[in-house]
Amino acid sequence: MGETEVTCNDNGSLKITGNFVIKDMQGNQYDLSGRTAISLCRCGSSSNKPFCDGAHKKINFQSTVRATKLPPPAPKV
């Protein structure tokens, strides 16, 4: 499997493809059952967070995203 890729879908989820691991705040790894593609919720309404269940369509979630350049990271002191 190639590099990990994250796609920000307009009015929807974050789609992750490739070789990746998803962990909770305690460092426990989610069992993705061998999946190489998954969608994560951005709208906050999924009943299966952090995964997308399509709830964004029911609540008319609106968010258009376009690639931009981030400023350089702040120097560490």
PDB file of N, CA and C in Angstrom:
ATOM      1  N   MET A   1       0.857  -1.173   0.000  1.00  0.00           N
ATOM      2  CA  MET A   1       0.000   0.000   0.000  1.00  0.00           C
ATOM      3  C   MET A   1       0.895   1.226   0.000  1.00  0.00           C
ATOM      4  N   GLY A   2       0.502   2.238  -0.756  1.00  0.00           N
ATOM      5  CA  GLY A   2       1.284   3.465  -0.878  1.00  0.00           C
ATOM      6  C   GLY A   2       1.176   4.350   0.341  1.00  0.00           C
ATOM      7  N   GLU A   3       1.630   5.595   0.160  1.00  0.00           N
ATOM      8  CA  GLU A   3       1.617   6.533   1.273  1.00  0.00           C
ATOM      9  C   GLU A   3       0.194   6.871   1.702  1.00  0.00           C
ATOM     10  N   THR A   4       0.076   7.337   2.926  1.00  0.00           N
ATOM     11  CA  THR A   4      -1.219   7.726   3.466  1.00  0.00           C
ATOM     12  C   THR A   4      -1.657   9.031   2.817  1.00  0.00           C
ATOM     13  N   GLU A   5      -2.932   9.106   2.452  1.00  0.00           N
ATOM     14  CA  GLU A   5      -3.486  10.308   1.829  1.00  0.00           C
ATOM     15  C   GLU A   5      -4.773  10.677   2.546  1.00  0.00           C
ATOM     16  N   VAL A   6      -4.953  11.960   2.843  1.00  0.00           N
ATOM     17  CA  VAL A   6      -6.164  12.464   3.477  1.00  0.00           C
ATOM     18  C   VAL A   6      -6.827  13.428   2.498  1.00  0.00           C
ATOM     19  N   THR A   7      -8.105  13.184   2.200  1.00  0.00           N
ATOM     20  CA  THR A   7      -8.870  14.041   1.305  1.00  0.00           C
ATOM     21  C   THR A   7      -9.982  14.706   2.096  1.00  0.00           C
ATOM     22  N   CYS A   8     -10.021  16.042   2.063  1.00  0.00           N
ATOM     23  CA  CYS A   8     -11.074  16.809   2.731  1.00  0.00           C
ATOM     24  C   CYS A   8     -12.232  16.960   1.747  1.00  0.00           C
ATOM     25  N   ASN A   9     -13.313  16.256   2.000  1.00  0.00           N
ATOM     26  CA  ASN A   9     -14.465  16.299   1.105  1.00  0.00           C
ATOM     27  C   ASN A   9     -15.352  17.504   1.415  1.00  0.00           C
ATOM     28  N   ASP A  10     -15.736  18.245   0.372  1.00  0.00           N
ATOM     29  CA  ASP A  10     -16.673  19.347   0.556  1.00  0.00           C
ATOM     30  C   ASP A  10     -17.944  18.826   1.205  1.00  0.00           C
ATOM     31  N   ASN A  11     -18.422  19.530   2.220  1.00  0.00           N
ATOM     32  CA  ASN A  11     -19.681  19.207   2.896  1.00  0.00           C
ATOM     33  C   ASN A  11     -19.730  17.781   3.440  1.00  0.00           C
ATOM     34  N   GLY A  12     -18.577  17.220   3.745  1.00  0.00           N
ATOM     35  CA  GLY A  12     -18.577  15.837   4.215  1.00  0.00           C
ATOM     36  C   GLY A  12     -17.357  15.480   5.038  1.00  0.00           C
ATOM     37  N   SER A  13     -16.940  14.250   4.897  1.00  0.00           N
ATOM     38  CA  SER A  13     -15.936  13.628   5.761  1.00  0.00           C
ATOM     39  C   SER A  13     -14.503  13.916   5.333  1.00  0.00           C
ATOM     40  N   LEU A  14     -13.584  13.418   6.158  1.00  0.00           N
ATOM     41  CA  LEU A  14     -12.175  13.331   5.807  1.00  0.00           C
ATOM     42  C   LEU A  14     -11.927  11.889   5.403  1.00  0.00           C
ATOM     43  N   LYS A  15     -11.531  11.657   4.162  1.00  0.00           N
ATOM     44  CA  LYS A  15     -11.272  10.298   3.688  1.00  0.00           C
ATOM     45  C   LYS A  15      -9.777  10.019   3.801  1.00  0.00           C
ATOM     46  N   ILE A  16      -9.445   8.921   4.482  1.00  0.00           N
ATOM     47  CA  ILE A  16      -8.054   8.518   4.656  1.00  0.00           C
ATOM     48  C   ILE A  16      -7.844   7.218   3.891  1.00  0.00           C
ATOM     49  N   THR A  17      -6.812   7.198   3.056  1.00  0.00           N
ATOM     50  CA  THR A  17      -6.474   5.986   2.312  1.00  0.00           C
ATOM     51  C   THR A  17      -4.991   5.700   2.486  1.00  0.00           C
ATOM     52  N   GLY A  18      -4.638   4.440   2.338  1.00  0.00           N
ATOM     53  CA  GLY A  18      -3.238   4.037   2.444  1.00  0.00           C
ATOM     54  C   GLY A  18      -3.011   3.168   3.657  1.00  0.00           C
ATOM     55  N   ASN A  19      -1.814   3.275   4.207  1.00  0.00           N
ATOM     56  CA  ASN A  19      -1.426   2.501   5.378  1.00  0.00           C
ATOM     57  C   ASN A  19      -1.484   3.436   6.578  1.00  0.00           C
ATOM     58  N   PHE A  20      -2.395   3.210   7.502  1.00  0.00           N
ATOM     59  CA  PHE A  20      -2.573   4.121   8.631  1.00  0.00           C
ATOM     60  C   PHE A  20      -3.089   3.382   9.859  1.00  0.00           C
ATOM     61  N   VAL A  21      -2.952   4.032  11.003  1.00  0.00           N
ATOM     62  CA  VAL A  21      -3.444   3.543  12.286  1.00  0.00           C
ATOM     63  C   VAL A  21      -4.246   4.682  12.893  1.00  0.00           C
ATOM     64  N   ILE A  22      -5.379   4.376  13.534  1.00  0.00           N
ATOM     65  CA  ILE A  22      -6.171   5.373  14.250  1.00  0.00           C
ATOM     66  C   ILE A  22      -6.229   4.941  15.713  1.00  0.00           C
ATOM     67  N   LYS A  23      -5.900   5.892  16.611  1.00  0.00           N
ATOM     68  CA  LYS A  23      -5.884   5.602  18.043  1.00  0.00           C
ATOM     69  C   LYS A  23      -6.795   6.565  18.785  1.00  0.00           C
ATOM     70  N   ASP A  24      -7.299   6.119  19.953  1.00  0.00           N
ATOM     71  CA  ASP A  24      -8.079   7.007  20.812  1.00  0.00           C
ATOM     72  C   ASP A  24      -7.119   7.793  21.710  1.00  0.00           C
ATOM     73  N   MET A  25      -7.667   8.644  22.566  1.00  0.00           N
ATOM     74  CA  MET A  25      -6.850   9.509  23.423  1.00  0.00           C
ATOM     75  C   MET A  25      -5.935   8.736  24.374  1.00  0.00           C
ATOM     76  N   GLN A  26      -6.293   7.508  24.721  1.00  0.00           N
ATOM     77  CA  GLN A  26      -5.473   6.697  25.613  1.00  0.00           C
ATOM     78  C   GLN A  26      -4.418   5.884  24.848  1.00  0.00           C
ATOM     79  N   GLY A  27      -4.383   6.016  23.536  1.00  0.00           N
ATOM     80  CA  GLY A  27      -3.410   5.286  22.735  1.00  0.00           C
ATOM     81  C   GLY A  27      -3.879   3.923  22.281  1.00  0.00           C
ATOM     82  N   ASN A  28      -5.159   3.594  22.543  1.00  0.00           N
ATOM     83  CA  ASN A  28      -5.712   2.314  22.093  1.00  0.00           C
ATOM     84  C   ASN A  28      -6.018   2.385  20.610  1.00  0.00           C
ATOM     85  N   GLN A  29      -5.595   1.381  19.881  1.00  0.00           N
ATOM     86  CA  GLN A  29      -5.775   1.342  18.444  1.00  0.00           C
ATOM     87  C   GLN A  29      -7.155   0.810  18.076  1.00  0.00           C
ATOM     88  N   TYR A  30      -7.849   1.502  17.159  1.00  0.00           N
ATOM     89  CA  TYR A  30      -9.128   1.012  16.640  1.00  0.00           C
ATOM     90  C   TYR A  30      -8.873  -0.194  15.749  1.00  0.00           C
ATOM     91  N   ASP A  31      -9.752  -1.190  15.831  1.00  0.00           N
ATOM     92  CA  ASP A  31      -9.675  -2.354  14.956  1.00  0.00           C
ATOM     93  C   ASP A  31     -10.372  -1.991  13.654  1.00  0.00           C
ATOM     94  N   LEU A  32      -9.595  -1.721  12.614  1.00  0.00           N
ATOM     95  CA  LEU A  32     -10.141  -1.325  11.320  1.00  0.00           C
ATOM     96  C   LEU A  32     -10.368  -2.519  10.399  1.00  0.00           C
ATOM     97  N   SER A  33     -10.163  -3.712  10.908  1.00  0.00           N
ATOM     98  CA  SER A  33     -10.417  -4.959  10.179  1.00  0.00           C
ATOM     99  C   SER A  33      -9.789  -4.979   8.791  1.00  0.00           C
ATOM    100  N   GLY A  34      -8.554  -4.502   8.695  1.00  0.00           N
ATOM    101  CA  GLY A  34      -7.812  -4.574   7.435  1.00  0.00           C
ATOM    102  C   GLY A  34      -8.153  -3.510   6.412  1.00  0.00           C
ATOM    103  N   ARG A  35      -9.002  -2.554   6.773  1.00  0.00           N
ATOM    104  CA  ARG A  35      -9.381  -1.511   5.807  1.00  0.00           C
ATOM    105  C   ARG A  35      -8.172  -0.655   5.426  1.00  0.00           C
ATOM    106  N   THR A  36      -8.130  -0.259   4.159  1.00  0.00           N
ATOM    107  CA  THR A  36      -7.105   0.661   3.672  1.00  0.00           C
ATOM    108  C   THR A  36      -7.734   1.990   3.257  1.00  0.00           C
ATOM    109  N   ALA A  37      -9.011   2.167   3.556  1.00  0.00           N
ATOM    110  CA  ALA A  37      -9.723   3.432   3.327  1.00  0.00           C
ATOM    111  C   ALA A  37     -10.793   3.570   4.405  1.00  0.00           C
ATOM    112  N   ILE A  38     -10.916   4.765   4.947  1.00  0.00           N
ATOM    113  CA  ILE A  38     -11.889   5.033   6.010  1.00  0.00           C
ATOM    114  C   ILE A  38     -12.288   6.500   5.910  1.00  0.00           C
ATOM    115  N   SER A  39     -13.483   6.838   6.360  1.00  0.00           N
ATOM    116  CA  SER A  39     -13.914   8.236   6.389  1.00  0.00           C
ATOM    117  C   SER A  39     -14.165   8.644   7.833  1.00  0.00           C
ATOM    118  N   LEU A  40     -13.613   9.790   8.203  1.00  0.00           N
ATOM    119  CA  LEU A  40     -13.776  10.328   9.553  1.00  0.00           C
ATOM    120  C   LEU A  40     -14.764  11.481   9.531  1.00  0.00           C
ATOM    121  N   CYS A  41     -15.575  11.570  10.594  1.00  0.00           N
ATOM    122  CA  CYS A  41     -16.614  12.594  10.727  1.00  0.00           C
ATOM    123  C   CYS A  41     -15.994  13.973  10.919  1.00  0.00           C
ATOM    124  N   ARG A  42     -16.526  14.973  10.214  1.00  0.00           N
ATOM    125  CA  ARG A  42     -16.154  16.376  10.430  1.00  0.00           C
ATOM    126  C   ARG A  42     -17.314  17.181  10.985  1.00  0.00           C
ATOM    127  N   CYS A  43     -18.532  16.677  10.832  1.00  0.00           N
ATOM    128  CA  CYS A  43     -19.710  17.476  11.202  1.00  0.00           C
ATOM    129  C   CYS A  43     -20.057  17.359  12.680  1.00  0.00           C
ATOM    130  N   GLY A  44     -19.568  16.305  13.347  1.00  0.00           N
ATOM    131  CA  GLY A  44     -19.861  16.105  14.759  1.00  0.00           C
ATOM    132  C   GLY A  44     -21.166  15.385  15.037  1.00  0.00           C
ATOM    133  N   SER A  45     -21.904  14.986  14.011  1.00  0.00           N
ATOM    134  CA  SER A  45     -23.220  14.367  14.207  1.00  0.00           C
ATOM    135  C   SER A  45     -23.248  12.857  13.999  1.00  0.00           C
ATOM    136  N   SER A  46     -22.117  12.249  13.664  1.00  0.00           N
ATOM    137  CA  SER A  46     -22.079  10.805  13.454  1.00  0.00           C
ATOM    138  C   SER A  46     -22.424  10.072  14.744  1.00  0.00           C
ATOM    139  N   SER A  47     -23.157   8.987  14.633  1.00  0.00           N
ATOM    140  CA  SER A  47     -23.445   8.163  15.809  1.00  0.00           C
ATOM    141  C   SER A  47     -22.356   7.115  16.006  1.00  0.00           C
ATOM    142  N   ASN A  48     -21.337   7.130  15.145  1.00  0.00           N
ATOM    143  CA  ASN A  48     -20.234   6.168  15.229  1.00  0.00           C
ATOM    144  C   ASN A  48     -18.889   6.907  15.194  1.00  0.00           C
ATOM    145  N   LYS A  49     -18.790   8.020  15.952  1.00  0.00           N
ATOM    146  CA  LYS A  49     -17.556   8.811  15.963  1.00  0.00           C
ATOM    147  C   LYS A  49     -16.374   7.953  16.385  1.00  0.00           C
ATOM    148  N   PRO A  50     -15.217   8.143  15.816  1.00  0.00           N
ATOM    149  CA  PRO A  50     -14.829   9.229  14.932  1.00  0.00           C
ATOM    150  C   PRO A  50     -15.145   8.969  13.470  1.00  0.00           C
ATOM    151  N   PHE A  51     -15.839   7.873  13.177  1.00  0.00           N
ATOM    152  CA  PHE A  51     -16.090   7.487  11.791  1.00  0.00           C
ATOM    153  C   PHE A  51     -17.354   8.148  11.245  1.00  0.00           C
ATOM    154  N   CYS A  52     -17.336   8.420   9.962  1.00  0.00           N
ATOM    155  CA  CYS A  52     -18.476   9.039   9.282  1.00  0.00           C
ATOM    156  C   CYS A  52     -19.568   8.001   9.047  1.00  0.00           C
ATOM    157  N   ASP A  53     -20.813   8.386   9.339  1.00  0.00           N
ATOM    158  CA  ASP A  53     -21.953   7.506   9.042  1.00  0.00           C
ATOM    159  C   ASP A  53     -22.943   8.173   8.081  1.00  0.00           C
ATOM    160  N   GLY A  54     -22.539   9.286   7.471  1.00  0.00           N
ATOM    161  CA  GLY A  54     -23.411   9.987   6.522  1.00  0.00           C
ATOM    162  C   GLY A  54     -24.331  11.007   7.162  1.00  0.00           C
ATOM    163  N   ALA A  55     -24.226  11.221   8.476  1.00  0.00           N
ATOM    164  CA  ALA A  55     -25.105  12.163   9.173  1.00  0.00           C
ATOM    165  C   ALA A  55     -24.989  13.579   8.619  1.00  0.00           C
ATOM    166  N   HIS A  56     -23.842  13.921   8.021  1.00  0.00           N
ATOM    167  CA  HIS A  56     -23.659  15.269   7.476  1.00  0.00           C
ATOM    168  C   HIS A  56     -24.706  15.602   6.415  1.00  0.00           C
ATOM    169  N   LYS A  57     -25.187  14.582   5.725  1.00  0.00           N
ATOM    170  CA  LYS A  57     -26.219  14.802   4.701  1.00  0.00           C
ATOM    171  C   LYS A  57     -27.558  15.164   5.345  1.00  0.00           C
ATOM    172  N   LYS A  58     -27.872  14.536   6.475  1.00  0.00           N
ATOM    173  CA  LYS A  58     -29.145  14.782   7.158  1.00  0.00           C
ATOM    174  C   LYS A  58     -29.202  16.165   7.798  1.00  0.00           C
ATOM    175  N   ILE A  59     -28.035  16.658   8.265  1.00  0.00           N
ATOM    176  CA  ILE A  59     -28.029  17.954   8.950  1.00  0.00           C
ATOM    177  C   ILE A  59     -27.617  19.093   8.025  1.00  0.00           C
ATOM    178  N   ASN A  60     -27.389  18.783   6.743  1.00  0.00           N
ATOM    179  CA  ASN A  60     -26.995  19.781   5.739  1.00  0.00           C
ATOM    180  C   ASN A  60     -25.688  20.475   6.123  1.00  0.00           C
ATOM    181  N   PHE A  61     -24.696  19.678   6.551  1.00  0.00           N
ATOM    182  CA  PHE A  61     -23.377  20.196   6.918  1.00  0.00           C
ATOM    183  C   PHE A  61     -22.759  20.907   5.725  1.00  0.00           C
ATOM    184  N   GLN A  62     -22.266  22.111   5.941  1.00  0.00           N
ATOM    185  CA  GLN A  62     -21.668  22.911   4.880  1.00  0.00           C
ATOM    186  C   GLN A  62     -20.230  23.259   5.236  1.00  0.00           C
ATOM    187  N   SER A  63     -19.298  22.869   4.410  1.00  0.00           N
ATOM    188  CA  SER A  63     -17.899  23.237   4.597  1.00  0.00           C
ATOM    189  C   SER A  63     -17.146  22.962   3.310  1.00  0.00           C
ATOM    190  N   THR A  64     -16.784  24.015   2.630  1.00  0.00           N
ATOM    191  CA  THR A  64     -16.005  23.884   1.409  1.00  0.00           C
ATOM    192  C   THR A  64     -14.545  24.123   1.769  1.00  0.00           C
ATOM    193  N   VAL A  65     -13.691  23.244   1.330  1.00  0.00           N
ATOM    194  CA  VAL A  65     -12.273  23.358   1.659  1.00  0.00           C
ATOM    195  C   VAL A  65     -11.436  23.368   0.384  1.00  0.00           C
ATOM    196  N   ARG A  66     -10.396  24.153   0.400  1.00  0.00           N
ATOM    197  CA  ARG A  66      -9.451  24.206  -0.715  1.00  0.00           C
ATOM    198  C   ARG A  66      -8.047  24.176  -0.141  1.00  0.00           C
ATOM    199  N   ALA A  67      -7.152  23.560  -0.869  1.00  0.00           N
ATOM    200  CA  ALA A  67      -5.768  23.455  -0.411  1.00  0.00           C
ATOM    201  C   ALA A  67      -5.140  24.843  -0.319  1.00  0.00           C
ATOM    202  N   THR A  68      -4.476  25.092   0.788  1.00  0.00           N
ATOM    203  CA  THR A  68      -3.757  26.342   1.004  1.00  0.00           C
ATOM    204  C   THR A  68      -2.391  26.031   1.608  1.00  0.00           C
ATOM    205  N   LYS A  69      -1.560  27.040   1.674  1.00  0.00           N
ATOM    206  CA  LYS A  69      -0.245  26.884   2.279  1.00  0.00           C
ATOM    207  C   LYS A  69      -0.309  27.335   3.730  1.00  0.00           C
ATOM    208  N   LEU A  70       0.162  26.484   4.638  1.00  0.00           N
ATOM    209  CA  LEU A  70       0.244  26.854   6.049  1.00  0.00           C
ATOM    210  C   LEU A  70       1.474  27.705   6.288  1.00  0.00           C
ATOM    211  N   PRO A  71       1.407  28.612   7.253  1.00  0.00           N
ATOM    212  CA  PRO A  71       2.614  29.364   7.596  1.00  0.00           C
ATOM    213  C   PRO A  71       3.631  28.426   8.242  1.00  0.00           C
ATOM    214  N   PRO A  72       4.894  28.810   8.233  1.00  0.00           N
ATOM    215  CA  PRO A  72       5.904  27.951   8.871  1.00  0.00           C
ATOM    216  C   PRO A  72       5.587  27.776  10.349  1.00  0.00           C
ATOM    217  N   PRO A  73       5.971  26.636  10.936  1.00  0.00           N
ATOM    218  CA  PRO A  73       5.735  26.438  12.361  1.00  0.00           C
ATOM    219  C   PRO A  73       6.523  27.450  13.197  1.00  0.00           C
ATOM    220  N   ALA A  74       5.974  27.807  14.330  1.00  0.00           N
ATOM    221  CA  ALA A  74       6.655  28.721  15.238  1.00  0.00           C
ATOM    222  C   ALA A  74       7.909  28.025  15.778  1.00  0.00           C
ATOM    223  N   PRO A  75       8.993  28.761  15.922  1.00  0.00           N
ATOM    224  CA  PRO A  75      10.209  28.155  16.469  1.00  0.00           C
ATOM    225  C   PRO A  75       9.988  27.657  17.896  1.00  0.00           C
ATOM    226  N   LYS A  76      10.589  26.536  18.213  1.00  0.00           N
ATOM    227  CA  LYS A  76      10.488  26.010  19.583  1.00  0.00           C
ATOM    228  C   LYS A  76      11.526  26.705  20.439  1.00  0.00           C
ATOM    229  N   VAL A  77      11.066  27.128  21.590  1.00  0.00           N
ATOM    230  CA  VAL A  77      11.959  27.868  22.501  1.00  0.00           C
ATOM    231  C   VAL A  77      12.553  26.948  23.528  1.00  0.00           C
TER     232      VAL A  77
END
